[in-house]
Amino acid sequence: MIDYRIKNNGGYTKTMGELVSMLEHTRAVTLEEIKNLTEEDLDKKAEGDVNTIGSLLLHIASIEFVHGVISFEERDINEGELQKWKTALELGENAGKTIKGHSVQFYIDELSAVRDKTLSELRKRNDDWLFEENEWPNGVPFNHYYLWFHVLEDEINHRGQIRSLKRRMKQ
């Protein structure tokens, strides 16, 4: 059952716990949205779209993975990681053509593996860490809280695309 309350579920500092609650709620809604999809549903393109539901799901996992590397390891992804995630990160024609042939469980497993690492790492950190200032190579400042807010907004945005694709496929 999806919890419709933002609350600290324990093991985290105040703001971190609220962030984790939002991450977990967002994921629960996404999983509810996709739970009954077939491989055909996941691979199908709606007219005029290049992305499939499957490619969008792998993109959600890839964004969380990359933001984990940036915030937890204080580096950019390496060549091996880029090789694994590049197509999902970029989306578009190539993703729509190559990310296919997987069950919904495959995507759930990918999303869960990345999320498990995220939660494990967030448990090691506190509210002060969320607000630590960093700077992109181009001089633009950011903090860890923004990175995880972006993970949320990216998933919510792509879940909207998934819902749109599902409606259009039914027509």
N, C-alpha and C. Protein backbone atom coordinates (compact mmCIF):
# COMPACT_ATOMS: atom_id res chain seq x y z
N MET A 1 0.83 -1.17 0.00
CA MET A 1 0.00 0.00 0.00
C MET A 1 0.89 1.25 0.00
N ILE A 2 0.52 2.23 -0.80
CA ILE A 2 1.29 3.46 -0.90
C ILE A 2 0.96 4.36 0.29
N ASP A 3 2.00 4.90 0.91
CA ASP A 3 1.84 5.82 2.04
C ASP A 3 1.78 7.24 1.49
N TYR A 4 0.73 7.96 1.83
CA TYR A 4 0.55 9.33 1.33
C TYR A 4 0.91 10.37 2.38
N ARG A 5 1.93 10.06 3.18
CA ARG A 5 2.43 11.00 4.17
C ARG A 5 3.93 11.16 3.97
N ILE A 6 4.40 12.40 4.09
CA ILE A 6 5.84 12.64 4.10
C ILE A 6 6.24 12.60 5.57
N LYS A 7 7.08 11.62 5.89
CA LYS A 7 7.50 11.47 7.28
C LYS A 7 8.82 10.72 7.32
N ASN A 8 9.53 10.91 8.39
CA ASN A 8 10.79 10.22 8.58
C ASN A 8 10.48 8.81 9.10
N ASN A 9 10.88 7.81 8.34
CA ASN A 9 10.61 6.42 8.73
C ASN A 9 11.70 5.85 9.63
N GLY A 10 12.54 6.71 10.16
CA GLY A 10 13.57 6.26 11.11
C GLY A 10 14.90 5.99 10.46
N GLY A 11 15.93 6.13 11.24
CA GLY A 11 17.27 5.86 10.76
C GLY A 11 17.91 7.01 10.00
N TYR A 12 17.21 8.14 9.91
CA TYR A 12 17.72 9.29 9.17
C TYR A 12 17.55 10.55 10.01
N THR A 13 18.36 11.54 9.73
CA THR A 13 18.14 12.85 10.35
C THR A 13 16.86 13.44 9.76
N LYS A 14 16.37 14.53 10.33
CA LYS A 14 15.05 15.07 10.00
C LYS A 14 14.85 15.30 8.50
N THR A 15 15.63 16.16 7.90
CA THR A 15 15.44 16.51 6.49
C THR A 15 15.77 15.32 5.59
N MET A 16 16.80 14.58 5.94
CA MET A 16 17.16 13.39 5.16
C MET A 16 16.00 12.40 5.17
N GLY A 17 15.38 12.20 6.32
CA GLY A 17 14.25 11.29 6.42
C GLY A 17 13.07 11.73 5.57
N GLU A 18 12.85 13.02 5.51
CA GLU A 18 11.76 13.54 4.67
C GLU A 18 12.08 13.33 3.19
N LEU A 19 13.34 13.57 2.82
CA LEU A 19 13.77 13.32 1.43
C LEU A 19 13.58 11.84 1.08
N VAL A 20 14.01 10.96 1.95
CA VAL A 20 13.87 9.52 1.70
C VAL A 20 12.39 9.15 1.57
N SER A 21 11.55 9.74 2.39
CA SER A 21 10.11 9.49 2.30
C SER A 21 9.58 9.90 0.93
N MET A 22 10.04 11.03 0.43
CA MET A 22 9.60 11.48 -0.90
C MET A 22 10.14 10.57 -2.00
N LEU A 23 11.40 10.16 -1.88
CA LEU A 23 11.97 9.23 -2.86
C LEU A 23 11.17 7.92 -2.89
N GLU A 24 10.85 7.40 -1.71
CA GLU A 24 10.15 6.13 -1.62
C GLU A 24 8.70 6.25 -2.10
N HIS A 25 8.04 7.35 -1.80
CA HIS A 25 6.68 7.55 -2.29
C HIS A 25 6.68 7.64 -3.82
N THR A 26 7.59 8.41 -4.35
CA THR A 26 7.68 8.56 -5.80
C THR A 26 7.89 7.20 -6.45
N ARG A 27 8.76 6.38 -5.90
CA ARG A 27 9.03 5.07 -6.47
C ARG A 27 7.82 4.15 -6.34
N ALA A 28 7.14 4.19 -5.21
CA ALA A 28 5.96 3.34 -5.02
C ALA A 28 4.90 3.65 -6.07
N VAL A 29 4.71 4.92 -6.37
CA VAL A 29 3.72 5.30 -7.38
C VAL A 29 4.17 4.82 -8.76
N THR A 30 5.44 4.96 -9.06
CA THR A 30 5.96 4.48 -10.35
C THR A 30 5.75 2.98 -10.48
N LEU A 31 6.09 2.23 -9.45
CA LEU A 31 5.94 0.77 -9.50
C LEU A 31 4.47 0.36 -9.64
N GLU A 32 3.60 1.07 -8.99
CA GLU A 32 2.17 0.80 -9.12
C GLU A 32 1.72 1.03 -10.57
N GLU A 33 2.26 2.04 -11.19
CA GLU A 33 1.90 2.40 -12.57
C GLU A 33 2.32 1.33 -13.57
N ILE A 34 3.40 0.63 -13.30
CA ILE A 34 3.96 -0.31 -14.30
C ILE A 34 3.72 -1.77 -13.97
N LYS A 35 3.20 -2.09 -12.79
CA LYS A 35 3.21 -3.47 -12.29
C LYS A 35 2.57 -4.50 -13.21
N ASN A 36 1.58 -4.12 -14.00
CA ASN A 36 0.89 -5.09 -14.85
C ASN A 36 1.26 -5.00 -16.33
N LEU A 37 2.34 -4.31 -16.63
CA LEU A 37 2.71 -4.15 -18.04
C LEU A 37 3.39 -5.41 -18.57
N THR A 38 3.11 -5.73 -19.80
CA THR A 38 3.73 -6.86 -20.47
C THR A 38 5.01 -6.39 -21.17
N GLU A 39 5.80 -7.35 -21.61
CA GLU A 39 7.00 -7.02 -22.39
C GLU A 39 6.61 -6.20 -23.63
N GLU A 40 5.51 -6.58 -24.26
CA GLU A 40 5.04 -5.85 -25.43
C GLU A 40 4.71 -4.39 -25.07
N ASP A 41 4.03 -4.19 -23.94
CA ASP A 41 3.72 -2.83 -23.48
C ASP A 41 4.99 -2.03 -23.25
N LEU A 42 5.97 -2.65 -22.63
CA LEU A 42 7.22 -1.98 -22.28
C LEU A 42 8.04 -1.61 -23.51
N ASP A 43 7.90 -2.37 -24.60
CA ASP A 43 8.69 -2.15 -25.82
C ASP A 43 7.98 -1.32 -26.88
N LYS A 44 6.70 -1.12 -26.72
CA LYS A 44 5.90 -0.46 -27.76
C LYS A 44 6.15 1.04 -27.78
N LYS A 45 6.17 1.58 -29.00
CA LYS A 45 6.29 3.03 -29.18
C LYS A 45 4.94 3.57 -29.62
N ALA A 46 4.55 4.66 -29.01
CA ALA A 46 3.35 5.34 -29.47
C ALA A 46 3.72 6.18 -30.69
N GLU A 47 2.77 6.44 -31.53
CA GLU A 47 3.03 7.21 -32.74
C GLU A 47 3.67 8.55 -32.39
N GLY A 48 4.79 8.83 -33.06
CA GLY A 48 5.50 10.08 -32.86
C GLY A 48 6.51 10.06 -31.73
N ASP A 49 6.56 8.99 -30.95
CA ASP A 49 7.52 8.89 -29.84
C ASP A 49 8.69 7.99 -30.22
N VAL A 50 9.86 8.30 -29.66
CA VAL A 50 11.03 7.46 -29.88
C VAL A 50 11.34 6.62 -28.64
N ASN A 51 10.84 7.06 -27.48
CA ASN A 51 11.10 6.34 -26.24
C ASN A 51 9.97 5.37 -25.92
N THR A 52 10.35 4.28 -25.32
CA THR A 52 9.39 3.28 -24.87
C THR A 52 9.28 3.40 -23.34
N ILE A 53 8.30 2.74 -22.79
CA ILE A 53 8.17 2.72 -21.33
C ILE A 53 9.42 2.07 -20.72
N GLY A 54 9.89 1.01 -21.32
CA GLY A 54 11.10 0.34 -20.83
C GLY A 54 12.30 1.26 -20.83
N SER A 55 12.49 2.02 -21.90
CA SER A 55 13.64 2.93 -21.95
C SER A 55 13.50 4.04 -20.91
N LEU A 56 12.29 4.50 -20.67
CA LEU A 56 12.07 5.53 -19.65
C LEU A 56 12.37 4.99 -18.26
N LEU A 57 11.99 3.75 -18.00
CA LEU A 57 12.27 3.14 -16.69
C LEU A 57 13.77 2.98 -16.47
N LEU A 58 14.49 2.53 -17.48
CA LEU A 58 15.93 2.38 -17.34
C LEU A 58 16.59 3.76 -17.21
N HIS A 59 16.02 4.77 -17.85
CA HIS A 59 16.53 6.14 -17.72
C HIS A 59 16.39 6.61 -16.26
N ILE A 60 15.24 6.33 -15.65
CA ILE A 60 15.03 6.70 -14.24
C ILE A 60 16.13 6.07 -13.37
N ALA A 61 16.41 4.80 -13.59
CA ALA A 61 17.46 4.12 -12.83
C ALA A 61 18.83 4.74 -13.11
N SER A 62 19.09 5.08 -14.37
CA SER A 62 20.40 5.63 -14.73
C SER A 62 20.64 7.00 -14.10
N ILE A 63 19.60 7.83 -14.05
CA ILE A 63 19.75 9.15 -13.44
C ILE A 63 20.06 9.01 -11.96
N GLU A 64 19.36 8.12 -11.29
CA GLU A 64 19.64 7.91 -9.86
C GLU A 64 21.05 7.36 -9.65
N PHE A 65 21.47 6.44 -10.52
CA PHE A 65 22.82 5.89 -10.41
C PHE A 65 23.86 7.00 -10.55
N VAL A 66 23.74 7.82 -11.58
CA VAL A 66 24.71 8.89 -11.84
C VAL A 66 24.74 9.88 -10.68
N HIS A 67 23.57 10.26 -10.19
CA HIS A 67 23.54 11.21 -9.09
C HIS A 67 24.14 10.61 -7.82
N GLY A 68 24.01 9.30 -7.66
CA GLY A 68 24.67 8.63 -6.55
C GLY A 68 26.18 8.71 -6.66
N VAL A 69 26.70 8.46 -7.83
CA VAL A 69 28.15 8.54 -8.05
C VAL A 69 28.64 9.97 -7.76
N ILE A 70 27.94 10.94 -8.31
CA ILE A 70 28.35 12.34 -8.12
C ILE A 70 28.31 12.73 -6.64
N SER A 71 27.23 12.39 -5.96
CA SER A 71 27.09 12.86 -4.58
C SER A 71 27.80 11.97 -3.56
N PHE A 72 27.78 10.67 -3.71
CA PHE A 72 28.39 9.79 -2.71
C PHE A 72 29.88 9.59 -2.94
N GLU A 73 30.29 9.57 -4.20
CA GLU A 73 31.70 9.30 -4.49
C GLU A 73 32.45 10.54 -4.95
N GLU A 74 31.74 11.65 -5.11
CA GLU A 74 32.31 12.94 -5.50
C GLU A 74 33.16 12.84 -6.77
N ARG A 75 32.56 12.19 -7.77
CA ARG A 75 33.22 12.06 -9.06
C ARG A 75 32.16 11.92 -10.14
N ASP A 76 32.59 11.98 -11.38
CA ASP A 76 31.69 11.70 -12.49
C ASP A 76 31.76 10.20 -12.78
N ILE A 77 30.82 9.71 -13.58
CA ILE A 77 30.86 8.28 -13.90
C ILE A 77 32.10 7.97 -14.75
N ASN A 78 32.60 6.77 -14.60
CA ASN A 78 33.78 6.36 -15.35
C ASN A 78 33.36 5.72 -16.69
N GLU A 79 34.31 5.33 -17.45
CA GLU A 79 34.05 4.79 -18.79
C GLU A 79 33.19 3.52 -18.75
N GLY A 80 33.46 2.63 -17.82
CA GLY A 80 32.68 1.40 -17.70
C GLY A 80 31.23 1.68 -17.32
N GLU A 81 31.04 2.61 -16.39
CA GLU A 81 29.69 2.99 -15.98
C GLU A 81 28.96 3.69 -17.13
N LEU A 82 29.69 4.53 -17.84
CA LEU A 82 29.09 5.21 -18.99
C LEU A 82 28.66 4.19 -20.04
N GLN A 83 29.49 3.20 -20.26
CA GLN A 83 29.16 2.15 -21.23
C GLN A 83 27.84 1.46 -20.86
N LYS A 84 27.66 1.16 -19.58
CA LYS A 84 26.44 0.48 -19.13
C LYS A 84 25.21 1.37 -19.26
N TRP A 85 25.34 2.65 -18.90
CA TRP A 85 24.17 3.52 -18.73
C TRP A 85 23.94 4.52 -19.86
N LYS A 86 24.89 4.68 -20.77
CA LYS A 86 24.83 5.75 -21.77
C LYS A 86 23.52 5.77 -22.57
N THR A 87 23.11 4.67 -23.09
CA THR A 87 21.90 4.62 -23.92
C THR A 87 20.68 5.05 -23.11
N ALA A 88 20.58 4.54 -21.89
CA ALA A 88 19.44 4.91 -21.03
C ALA A 88 19.52 6.38 -20.62
N LEU A 89 20.71 6.87 -20.36
CA LEU A 89 20.86 8.28 -19.97
C LEU A 89 20.42 9.21 -21.09
N GLU A 90 20.81 8.88 -22.31
CA GLU A 90 20.55 9.77 -23.44
C GLU A 90 19.13 9.64 -23.99
N LEU A 91 18.49 8.50 -23.77
CA LEU A 91 17.17 8.23 -24.36
C LEU A 91 17.22 8.43 -25.88
N GLY A 92 16.11 8.68 -26.52
CA GLY A 92 16.08 8.93 -27.96
C GLY A 92 16.01 7.66 -28.80
N GLU A 93 16.27 7.84 -30.09
CA GLU A 93 16.15 6.75 -31.09
C GLU A 93 16.88 5.48 -30.68
N ASN A 94 18.14 5.62 -30.28
CA ASN A 94 18.93 4.43 -29.95
C ASN A 94 18.34 3.68 -28.77
N ALA A 95 17.90 4.40 -27.76
CA ALA A 95 17.29 3.74 -26.59
C ALA A 95 16.02 3.00 -26.99
N GLY A 96 15.20 3.65 -27.81
CA GLY A 96 13.96 3.02 -28.25
C GLY A 96 14.19 1.76 -29.07
N LYS A 97 15.33 1.70 -29.75
CA LYS A 97 15.64 0.54 -30.58
C LYS A 97 16.34 -0.57 -29.80
N THR A 98 17.13 -0.21 -28.80
CA THR A 98 17.98 -1.22 -28.15
C THR A 98 17.52 -1.66 -26.77
N ILE A 99 16.77 -0.82 -26.08
CA ILE A 99 16.29 -1.20 -24.74
C ILE A 99 14.93 -1.86 -24.93
N LYS A 100 14.98 -3.18 -25.05
CA LYS A 100 13.75 -3.93 -25.27
C LYS A 100 13.98 -5.40 -24.98
N GLY A 101 12.88 -6.14 -24.94
CA GLY A 101 12.97 -7.57 -24.71
C GLY A 101 13.08 -7.96 -23.25
N HIS A 102 12.68 -7.04 -22.36
CA HIS A 102 12.77 -7.31 -20.93
C HIS A 102 11.37 -7.33 -20.30
N SER A 103 11.26 -8.12 -19.26
CA SER A 103 10.01 -8.16 -18.50
C SER A 103 9.94 -6.95 -17.56
N VAL A 104 8.77 -6.71 -17.02
CA VAL A 104 8.63 -5.63 -16.04
C VAL A 104 9.51 -5.92 -14.83
N GLN A 105 9.69 -7.19 -14.48
CA GLN A 105 10.53 -7.54 -13.34
C GLN A 105 11.98 -7.10 -13.56
N PHE A 106 12.48 -7.19 -14.78
CA PHE A 106 13.83 -6.72 -15.09
C PHE A 106 13.98 -5.25 -14.69
N TYR A 107 13.02 -4.42 -15.09
CA TYR A 107 13.09 -2.99 -14.79
C TYR A 107 12.92 -2.73 -13.30
N ILE A 108 12.05 -3.47 -12.66
CA ILE A 108 11.87 -3.33 -11.22
C ILE A 108 13.17 -3.69 -10.50
N ASP A 109 13.82 -4.75 -10.95
CA ASP A 109 15.09 -5.17 -10.34
C ASP A 109 16.17 -4.11 -10.52
N GLU A 110 16.25 -3.50 -11.71
CA GLU A 110 17.24 -2.45 -11.95
C GLU A 110 16.97 -1.24 -11.06
N LEU A 111 15.71 -0.81 -11.01
CA LEU A 111 15.34 0.32 -10.17
C LEU A 111 15.63 0.01 -8.70
N SER A 112 15.34 -1.21 -8.27
CA SER A 112 15.54 -1.59 -6.86
C SER A 112 17.01 -1.67 -6.49
N ALA A 113 17.83 -2.19 -7.39
CA ALA A 113 19.27 -2.30 -7.10
C ALA A 113 19.88 -0.92 -6.89
N VAL A 114 19.53 0.01 -7.76
CA VAL A 114 20.06 1.37 -7.62
C VAL A 114 19.52 2.00 -6.34
N ARG A 115 18.22 1.84 -6.09
CA ARG A 115 17.61 2.44 -4.89
C ARG A 115 18.20 1.86 -3.61
N ASP A 116 18.45 0.56 -3.58
CA ASP A 116 19.04 -0.04 -2.38
C ASP A 116 20.37 0.61 -2.05
N LYS A 117 21.20 0.84 -3.06
CA LYS A 117 22.49 1.52 -2.84
C LYS A 117 22.26 2.95 -2.38
N THR A 118 21.31 3.64 -2.98
CA THR A 118 21.01 5.01 -2.58
C THR A 118 20.64 5.07 -1.10
N LEU A 119 19.71 4.23 -0.68
CA LEU A 119 19.26 4.26 0.71
C LEU A 119 20.39 3.90 1.68
N SER A 120 21.20 2.94 1.29
CA SER A 120 22.34 2.55 2.13
C SER A 120 23.29 3.74 2.31
N GLU A 121 23.55 4.45 1.24
CA GLU A 121 24.46 5.61 1.31
C GLU A 121 23.83 6.78 2.06
N LEU A 122 22.55 7.02 1.84
CA LEU A 122 21.90 8.14 2.54
C LEU A 122 21.85 7.91 4.05
N ARG A 123 21.76 6.63 4.48
CA ARG A 123 21.77 6.32 5.91
C ARG A 123 23.07 6.75 6.58
N LYS A 124 24.13 6.82 5.81
CA LYS A 124 25.45 7.19 6.34
C LYS A 124 25.63 8.71 6.46
N ARG A 125 24.66 9.46 5.96
CA ARG A 125 24.80 10.91 5.89
C ARG A 125 23.72 11.62 6.70
N ASN A 126 23.89 12.94 6.84
CA ASN A 126 22.93 13.69 7.65
C ASN A 126 22.48 14.95 6.92
N ASP A 127 21.68 15.75 7.61
CA ASP A 127 21.14 16.97 7.00
C ASP A 127 22.24 17.93 6.57
N ASP A 128 23.31 18.04 7.36
CA ASP A 128 24.41 18.94 6.98
C ASP A 128 24.98 18.54 5.62
N TRP A 129 25.11 17.25 5.38
CA TRP A 129 25.62 16.77 4.09
C TRP A 129 24.72 17.21 2.94
N LEU A 130 23.40 17.17 3.15
CA LEU A 130 22.48 17.59 2.09
C LEU A 130 22.76 19.01 1.62
N PHE A 131 23.17 19.86 2.53
CA PHE A 131 23.35 21.28 2.21
C PHE A 131 24.79 21.66 1.89
N GLU A 132 25.69 20.67 1.87
CA GLU A 132 27.08 20.97 1.50
C GLU A 132 27.13 21.55 0.10
N GLU A 133 27.89 22.62 -0.06
CA GLU A 133 28.03 23.31 -1.34
C GLU A 133 29.15 22.66 -2.17
N ASN A 134 28.85 22.47 -3.43
CA ASN A 134 29.84 22.00 -4.41
C ASN A 134 29.73 22.89 -5.63
N GLU A 135 30.57 22.62 -6.61
CA GLU A 135 30.56 23.45 -7.82
C GLU A 135 30.83 22.58 -9.04
N TRP A 136 30.02 22.79 -10.07
CA TRP A 136 30.25 22.09 -11.34
C TRP A 136 31.50 22.66 -11.99
N PRO A 137 32.12 21.93 -12.92
CA PRO A 137 33.32 22.44 -13.59
C PRO A 137 33.12 23.82 -14.24
N ASN A 138 31.89 24.17 -14.60
CA ASN A 138 31.64 25.47 -15.22
C ASN A 138 31.41 26.58 -14.18
N GLY A 139 31.60 26.25 -12.89
CA GLY A 139 31.50 27.25 -11.85
C GLY A 139 30.12 27.40 -11.22
N VAL A 140 29.13 26.67 -11.69
CA VAL A 140 27.77 26.76 -11.15
C VAL A 140 27.70 25.97 -9.84
N PRO A 141 27.23 26.61 -8.76
CA PRO A 141 27.15 25.91 -7.48
C PRO A 141 25.94 24.97 -7.41
N PHE A 142 26.06 23.94 -6.59
CA PHE A 142 24.95 23.02 -6.30
C PHE A 142 25.18 22.42 -4.93
N ASN A 143 24.13 21.81 -4.39
CA ASN A 143 24.31 21.04 -3.16
C ASN A 143 23.70 19.65 -3.36
N HIS A 144 23.98 18.75 -2.43
CA HIS A 144 23.49 17.37 -2.55
C HIS A 144 21.96 17.32 -2.55
N TYR A 145 21.35 18.20 -1.78
CA TYR A 145 19.89 18.22 -1.72
C TYR A 145 19.32 18.47 -3.10
N TYR A 146 19.92 19.40 -3.85
CA TYR A 146 19.44 19.66 -5.21
C TYR A 146 19.58 18.40 -6.07
N LEU A 147 20.70 17.70 -5.97
CA LEU A 147 20.89 16.49 -6.79
C LEU A 147 19.76 15.49 -6.55
N TRP A 148 19.38 15.31 -5.30
CA TRP A 148 18.34 14.32 -5.00
C TRP A 148 16.95 14.85 -5.31
N PHE A 149 16.78 16.16 -5.23
CA PHE A 149 15.53 16.76 -5.72
C PHE A 149 15.41 16.49 -7.22
N HIS A 150 16.50 16.61 -7.95
CA HIS A 150 16.47 16.35 -9.40
C HIS A 150 16.12 14.90 -9.70
N VAL A 151 16.61 13.97 -8.89
CA VAL A 151 16.25 12.56 -9.07
C VAL A 151 14.73 12.41 -8.95
N LEU A 152 14.15 13.08 -7.95
CA LEU A 152 12.69 13.05 -7.77
C LEU A 152 11.97 13.64 -8.97
N GLU A 153 12.37 14.85 -9.37
CA GLU A 153 11.65 15.51 -10.46
C GLU A 153 11.81 14.76 -11.77
N ASP A 154 12.95 14.14 -11.99
CA ASP A 154 13.16 13.37 -13.21
C ASP A 154 12.23 12.15 -13.24
N GLU A 155 12.14 11.44 -12.14
CA GLU A 155 11.26 10.26 -12.10
C GLU A 155 9.80 10.67 -12.28
N ILE A 156 9.39 11.73 -11.61
CA ILE A 156 8.00 12.18 -11.71
C ILE A 156 7.69 12.61 -13.15
N ASN A 157 8.61 13.31 -13.77
CA ASN A 157 8.43 13.74 -15.16
C ASN A 157 8.28 12.55 -16.10
N HIS A 158 9.17 11.59 -15.96
CA HIS A 158 9.12 10.43 -16.86
C HIS A 158 7.95 9.50 -16.55
N ARG A 159 7.51 9.48 -15.29
CA ARG A 159 6.29 8.73 -14.98
C ARG A 159 5.10 9.35 -15.70
N GLY A 160 5.08 10.67 -15.82
CA GLY A 160 4.03 11.32 -16.59
C GLY A 160 4.08 10.90 -18.05
N GLN A 161 5.28 10.77 -18.61
CA GLN A 161 5.42 10.28 -19.98
C GLN A 161 4.92 8.84 -20.09
N ILE A 162 5.24 8.03 -19.09
CA ILE A 162 4.79 6.63 -19.09
C ILE A 162 3.26 6.58 -19.09
N ARG A 163 2.64 7.39 -18.27
CA ARG A 163 1.17 7.43 -18.24
C ARG A 163 0.61 7.86 -19.59
N SER A 164 1.23 8.83 -20.18
CA SER A 164 0.78 9.30 -21.50
C SER A 164 0.93 8.21 -22.55
N LEU A 165 2.06 7.52 -22.54
CA LEU A 165 2.27 6.41 -23.49
C LEU A 165 1.23 5.31 -23.28
N LYS A 166 0.94 4.97 -22.04
CA LYS A 166 -0.04 3.94 -21.76
C LYS A 166 -1.42 4.34 -22.31
N ARG A 167 -1.81 5.58 -22.11
CA ARG A 167 -3.12 6.05 -22.62
C ARG A 167 -3.14 6.00 -24.14
N ARG A 168 -2.07 6.46 -24.77
CA ARG A 168 -2.03 6.51 -26.22
C ARG A 168 -1.97 5.12 -26.82
N MET A 169 -1.37 4.17 -26.15
CA MET A 169 -1.31 2.80 -26.66
C MET A 169 -2.68 2.12 -26.61
N LYS A 170 -3.52 2.53 -25.68
CA LYS A 170 -4.87 1.96 -25.56
C LYS A 170 -5.79 2.44 -26.68
N GLN A 171 -5.47 3.59 -27.27
CA GLN A 171 -6.34 4.17 -28.29
C GLN A 171 -6.19 3.45 -29.62
